[in-house]
Amino acid sequence: VLMKPLILSDEKPQIIKRVISSETANSVTKMMTSAVEKNIIAAISNYSIAGKTGTAFVPIFGGKGYTDEVINTYVGFAPAPNPKFVVLIKLDKPAGAPLAGRSVVPAFRELTQFILNYYNIAPDKI
């Protein structure tokens, strides 16, 4: 669902339009939750976390092809069944950690754990 952006916390959320079907959203959420459950680096006890890595090679600007350097990303949301927030971590050309699992995923997990605790978001898996 596309929501109207809010600047002030006392504004009420407004739905602009649905951009994908509920069925598609549920399918993607299940796939992203499964990815976290199979690769537990991003998992947080008692919470359903949905997330996915992304890796892209840096192009050779002004030329053809790509360098050996990468851009790592990890995007996720929690709790997966009823998300309260989205986190995106992006690192350009991470030194010594070319794999997303060793660079952005630990940062995602740490930030997500902080947000869950800070906003006192109740666990959805007990």
Protein backbone atom coordinates (compact mmCIF):
# COMPACT_ATOMS: atom_id res chain seq x y z
CA VAL A 1 0.00 0.00 0.00
CA LEU A 2 1.36 3.41 -0.96
CA MET A 3 0.93 5.81 1.93
CA LYS A 4 1.01 9.60 1.92
CA PRO A 5 4.35 10.67 3.46
CA LEU A 6 4.06 12.20 6.92
CA ILE A 7 6.15 15.03 8.32
CA LEU A 8 4.44 15.52 11.67
CA SER A 9 3.71 12.64 14.04
CA ASP A 10 0.22 13.94 14.81
CA GLU A 11 -0.87 13.61 11.16
CA LYS A 12 -3.08 10.64 10.40
CA PRO A 13 -1.84 8.04 7.87
CA GLN A 14 -3.59 8.19 4.50
CA ILE A 15 -3.63 5.40 1.94
CA ILE A 16 -3.03 6.68 -1.60
CA LYS A 17 -3.46 3.37 -3.45
CA ARG A 18 -2.65 -0.34 -3.40
CA VAL A 19 0.40 -1.00 -5.60
CA ILE A 20 0.43 -4.83 -5.39
CA SER A 21 -2.23 -7.34 -4.43
CA SER A 22 -2.50 -8.71 -0.90
CA GLU A 23 -1.70 -12.17 -2.27
CA THR A 24 1.53 -10.95 -3.88
CA ALA A 25 2.53 -9.05 -0.73
CA ASN A 26 1.94 -12.17 1.39
CA SER A 27 3.94 -14.36 -1.03
CA VAL A 28 6.91 -11.97 -1.04
CA THR A 29 6.77 -11.67 2.76
CA LYS A 30 6.83 -15.48 3.10
CA MET A 31 9.82 -15.72 0.76
CA MET A 32 11.70 -12.98 2.63
CA THR A 33 10.88 -14.55 6.01
CA SER A 34 12.05 -17.93 4.74
CA ALA A 35 15.33 -16.37 3.59
CA VAL A 36 15.98 -15.11 7.14
CA GLU A 37 14.99 -18.43 8.74
CA LYS A 38 17.33 -20.41 6.45
CA ASN A 39 20.26 -18.04 6.89
CA ILE A 40 20.01 -17.09 10.56
CA ILE A 41 22.50 -14.19 10.44
CA ALA A 42 19.61 -11.68 10.42
CA ALA A 43 17.32 -13.66 12.74
CA ILE A 44 16.23 -12.15 16.07
CA SER A 45 14.77 -14.41 18.77
CA ASN A 46 10.99 -14.31 19.11
CA TYR A 47 10.48 -12.08 16.04
CA SER A 48 9.51 -12.86 12.45
CA ILE A 49 11.97 -10.91 10.34
CA ALA A 50 11.63 -10.57 6.56
CA GLY A 51 14.76 -9.65 4.64
CA LYS A 52 16.83 -10.06 1.50
CA THR A 53 20.40 -9.35 0.46
CA GLY A 54 21.48 -7.67 -2.73
CA THR A 55 24.91 -7.49 -4.33
CA ALA A 56 25.84 -5.48 -7.41
CA PHE A 57 29.18 -5.05 -9.10
CA VAL A 58 30.37 -1.46 -9.55
CA PRO A 59 30.41 -0.49 -13.25
CA ILE A 60 33.47 0.87 -14.99
CA PHE A 61 32.37 4.46 -15.53
CA GLY A 62 33.20 5.75 -19.00
CA GLY A 63 33.93 2.21 -20.14
CA LYS A 64 32.36 -1.20 -20.52
CA GLY A 65 31.92 -3.88 -17.92
CA TYR A 66 32.35 -3.94 -14.19
CA THR A 67 35.08 -3.64 -11.58
CA ASP A 68 35.75 -6.28 -8.92
CA GLU A 69 34.21 -3.95 -6.32
CA VAL A 70 30.66 -4.45 -5.06
CA ILE A 71 27.74 -2.62 -3.49
CA ASN A 72 26.04 -4.67 -0.78
CA THR A 73 22.49 -4.06 0.41
CA TYR A 74 20.10 -5.65 2.84
CA VAL A 75 16.48 -4.65 3.18
CA GLY A 76 14.07 -6.03 5.71
CA PHE A 77 11.07 -5.32 7.88
CA ALA A 78 9.71 -6.42 11.22
CA PRO A 79 7.64 -7.92 12.62
CA ALA A 80 6.96 -9.62 9.29
CA PRO A 81 3.20 -10.31 9.77
CA ASN A 82 2.45 -6.71 10.78
CA PRO A 83 5.48 -4.52 9.96
CA LYS A 84 6.21 -1.48 12.09
CA PHE A 85 9.35 -0.37 10.22
CA VAL A 86 11.63 -1.02 7.25
CA VAL A 87 15.43 -0.95 7.37
CA LEU A 88 17.75 -0.66 4.37
CA ILE A 89 21.51 -0.96 4.85
CA LYS A 90 23.80 -0.16 1.90
CA LEU A 91 27.59 -0.29 1.75
CA ASP A 92 29.54 0.89 -1.28
CA LYS A 93 32.74 -1.06 -1.91
CA PRO A 94 33.02 -2.66 1.55
CA ALA A 95 36.66 -3.37 2.37
CA GLY A 96 37.42 -6.91 3.47
CA ALA A 97 33.80 -8.11 3.34
CA PRO A 98 32.64 -8.56 -0.25
CA LEU A 99 29.68 -10.74 0.80
CA ALA A 100 26.51 -9.11 2.10
CA GLY A 101 26.23 -11.74 4.83
CA ARG A 102 29.44 -10.46 6.38
CA SER A 103 28.91 -6.74 5.89
CA VAL A 104 25.35 -5.42 5.75
CA VAL A 105 23.40 -8.28 7.37
CA PRO A 106 25.07 -7.95 10.81
CA ALA A 107 24.47 -4.17 10.67
CA PHE A 108 20.81 -4.79 9.77
CA ARG A 109 20.39 -7.22 12.65
CA GLU A 110 21.95 -4.85 15.18
CA LEU A 111 19.88 -1.85 14.04
CA THR A 112 16.67 -3.90 13.89
CA GLN A 113 17.25 -5.26 17.41
CA PHE A 114 17.81 -1.70 18.64
CA ILE A 115 14.59 -0.42 17.00
CA LEU A 116 12.53 -3.32 18.38
CA ASN A 117 13.82 -2.61 21.89
CA TYR A 118 13.68 1.18 21.64
CA TYR A 119 10.05 1.24 20.49
CA ASN A 120 9.13 -1.68 22.77
CA ILE A 121 7.66 -3.67 19.88
CA ALA A 122 6.19 -6.90 21.23
CA PRO A 123 7.54 -10.21 19.93
CA ASP A 124 5.29 -11.95 17.42
CA LYS A 125 6.80 -15.44 18.00
CA ILE A 126 6.83 -16.82 21.53
